[in-house]
Protein backbone atom coordinates (compact mmCIF):
# COMPACT_ATOMS: atom_id res chain seq x y z
CA MET A 1 -63.93 15.80 166.36
CA PRO A 2 -61.75 18.59 164.93
CA GLY A 3 -58.14 18.21 165.98
CA VAL A 4 -58.62 15.12 168.16
CA THR A 5 -55.99 12.64 167.01
CA ASP A 6 -55.25 10.73 170.23
CA LEU A 7 -56.27 7.16 169.42
CA ASP A 8 -57.02 6.19 173.02
CA LEU A 9 -59.30 9.20 173.44
CA LEU A 10 -61.00 8.47 170.13
CA ARG A 11 -61.54 4.83 171.13
CA THR A 12 -63.31 6.08 174.27
CA LEU A 13 -65.38 8.63 172.35
CA VAL A 14 -66.45 5.99 169.81
CA ALA A 15 -67.53 3.70 172.65
CA GLU A 16 -69.48 6.44 174.45
CA ILE A 17 -71.06 8.39 171.57
CA PRO A 18 -74.00 6.63 169.88
CA LEU A 19 -73.40 8.43 166.57
CA PRO A 20 -70.58 7.92 164.05
CA VAL A 21 -67.38 9.70 165.08
CA ASN A 22 -65.58 11.69 162.40
CA VAL A 23 -62.19 13.37 162.68
CA LEU A 24 -60.64 16.44 161.08
CA THR A 25 -56.94 15.75 160.77
CA GLY A 26 -53.69 16.72 159.12
CA PRO A 27 -49.95 16.16 159.04
CA HIS A 28 -48.35 13.95 161.71
CA ALA A 29 -51.70 12.43 162.70
CA PRO A 30 -52.47 8.70 162.74
CA THR A 31 -53.20 7.02 159.42
CA VAL A 32 -56.69 6.36 158.08
CA ASP A 33 -56.26 2.68 158.98
CA GLU A 34 -55.29 3.57 162.55
CA PHE A 35 -58.34 5.81 162.91
CA ALA A 36 -60.55 3.06 161.48
CA ALA A 37 -59.12 0.52 163.93
CA VAL A 38 -60.46 2.55 166.87
CA GLY A 39 -63.86 2.97 165.23
CA VAL A 40 -63.62 6.37 163.52
CA ARG A 41 -66.08 6.37 160.62
CA ARG A 42 -64.81 9.27 158.50
CA VAL A 43 -61.51 11.14 158.20
CA SER A 44 -61.41 14.62 156.69
CA VAL A 45 -58.47 16.86 155.87
CA GLY A 46 -60.67 19.96 155.68
CA THR A 47 -58.87 22.73 153.82
CA GLY A 48 -55.58 20.82 153.93
CA LEU A 49 -55.55 19.96 150.22
CA ALA A 50 -56.17 23.58 149.23
CA GLN A 51 -53.49 24.76 151.67
CA ALA A 52 -51.02 22.27 150.16
CA ALA A 53 -51.87 23.57 146.67
CA TYR A 54 -51.32 27.17 147.78
CA ALA A 55 -47.98 26.17 149.31
CA ALA A 56 -46.95 24.56 145.99
CA ALA A 57 -47.92 27.74 144.13
CA ASP A 58 -45.93 29.80 146.64
CA ARG A 59 -42.83 27.60 146.21
CA ALA A 60 -43.08 27.79 142.41
CA ALA A 61 -43.47 31.57 142.41
CA ARG A 62 -40.56 32.05 144.83
CA GLU A 63 -38.35 29.77 142.72
CA LEU A 64 -39.26 31.59 139.53
CA LEU A 65 -38.57 35.00 141.06
CA ALA A 66 -35.36 33.94 142.83
CA THR A 67 -33.68 31.77 140.20
CA GLY A 68 -35.75 31.94 137.02
CA THR A 69 -36.14 28.15 137.07
CA TYR A 70 -39.20 25.90 137.08
CA ARG A 71 -38.09 22.71 138.86
CA SER A 72 -40.94 22.91 141.34
CA LEU A 73 -43.35 22.25 138.46
CA GLU A 74 -41.83 18.85 137.59
CA ASP A 75 -44.47 16.89 139.51
CA ALA A 76 -47.40 18.87 138.14
CA LEU A 77 -50.31 17.02 136.56
CA SER A 78 -50.62 17.53 132.82
CA TYR A 79 -53.72 19.15 131.37
CA GLY A 80 -54.83 15.73 130.09
CA GLU A 81 -54.47 14.18 133.57
CA LEU A 82 -56.49 16.99 135.10
CA GLN A 83 -59.17 16.61 132.44
CA LYS A 84 -59.47 12.87 133.17
CA LEU A 85 -60.04 13.66 136.84
CA LEU A 86 -62.95 15.92 135.90
CA ASP A 87 -64.58 13.53 133.43
């Protein structure tokens, strides 16, 4: 159910649809636990993670060009951390 985040509506849909109900969600939506409490079986963020990564790259590039600093990279994963995720 792309974009449907109203918990009352989802509770009704879960009760009326014989198949598992999945949601596509994003910022300011209910939590995974709240979705689960009304019977939602799967929560997806779609392209949200990629969009967040592009936004981080944009912020870092703008900072570098505007001030010559790199503070936006402070929370970056190290190469070793990234490698562990892929192992």
